[in-house]
Amino acid sequence: MAKQSTKSSLLVEEKVRQERYEICKVCEYYTWQIKICRKCGCWLPAKTWVKSFSCPINKWGKDLSDEEK
């Protein structure tokens, strides 16, 4: 049987999400009116929560903390 993913295993902590989003908000590709990245097209309030996602221009990366255990 395949292991089920839980919310906590898919999402970063609030602090990490805030750090990621603050980086995005000062980026030249951030569109503040609709909160998207013009480089990847993602809606950043959602993208910054997901552990396996990263910035397309390497300003922040995947959260690999669980994978190292």
Protein backbone atom coordinates (compact mmCIF):
# COMPACT_ATOMS: atom_id res chain seq x y z
CA MET A 1 0.00 0.00 0.00
CA ALA A 2 1.33 3.46 -0.91
CA LYS A 3 2.10 5.89 1.89
CA GLN A 4 -0.49 8.66 2.08
CA SER A 5 0.79 12.22 2.14
CA THR A 6 -0.42 14.44 4.91
CA LYS A 7 -0.82 18.18 4.88
CA SER A 8 2.22 18.58 7.12
CA SER A 9 4.37 16.47 4.83
CA LEU A 10 3.48 18.61 1.80
CA LEU A 11 3.64 22.12 3.23
CA VAL A 12 6.36 24.24 4.80
CA GLU A 13 6.08 25.87 8.22
CA GLU A 14 4.48 29.33 8.38
CA LYS A 15 7.88 30.97 9.02
CA VAL A 16 9.41 29.40 5.89
CA ARG A 17 6.37 30.39 3.84
CA GLN A 18 6.66 34.00 5.04
CA GLU A 19 10.39 34.10 4.21
CA ARG A 20 9.75 32.76 0.71
CA TYR A 21 6.91 35.20 0.07
CA GLU A 22 8.91 38.20 1.32
CA ILE A 23 11.65 37.28 -1.19
CA CYS A 24 9.04 37.11 -3.96
CA LYS A 25 7.47 40.44 -3.06
CA VAL A 26 10.72 42.32 -3.76
CA CYS A 27 11.56 40.39 -6.94
CA GLU A 28 11.47 42.09 -10.35
CA TYR A 29 9.12 39.35 -11.64
CA TYR A 30 6.49 39.79 -8.90
CA THR A 31 3.17 41.30 -10.01
CA TRP A 32 1.71 42.74 -6.81
CA GLN A 33 -1.77 43.43 -8.21
CA ILE A 34 -2.49 39.74 -8.79
CA LYS A 35 0.35 38.19 -6.75
CA ILE A 36 1.84 36.12 -9.55
CA CYS A 37 5.38 35.50 -10.74
CA ARG A 38 5.87 36.61 -14.34
CA LYS A 39 8.72 34.12 -14.72
CA CYS A 40 6.86 30.90 -13.82
CA GLY A 41 3.24 32.13 -13.86
CA CYS A 42 2.45 30.78 -10.39
CA TRP A 43 0.13 32.40 -7.85
CA LEU A 44 2.63 32.99 -5.07
CA PRO A 45 0.36 32.91 -2.00
CA ALA A 46 -0.10 29.20 -2.81
CA LYS A 47 3.28 28.31 -4.33
CA THR A 48 5.27 29.53 -1.34
CA TRP A 49 3.54 26.97 0.92
CA VAL A 50 4.59 23.83 -1.01
CA LYS A 51 7.79 22.09 0.16
CA SER A 52 8.67 20.62 -3.21
CA PHE A 53 8.38 23.92 -5.12
CA SER A 54 11.24 26.33 -5.77
CA CYS A 55 11.85 29.71 -7.33
CA PRO A 56 12.55 29.52 -11.09
CA ILE A 57 15.49 31.91 -10.71
CA ASN A 58 16.87 30.25 -7.55
CA LYS A 59 16.00 32.94 -5.00
CA TRP A 60 14.59 30.21 -2.72
CA GLY A 61 14.64 26.45 -3.01
CA LYS A 62 12.80 23.28 -2.11
CA ASP A 63 12.45 22.46 1.59
CA LEU A 64 14.40 19.23 1.87
CA SER A 65 14.43 19.07 5.68
CA ASP A 66 12.17 15.99 5.84
CA GLU A 67 14.09 14.18 3.10
CA GLU A 68 17.34 14.34 5.06
CA LYS A 69 15.88 12.34 7.99
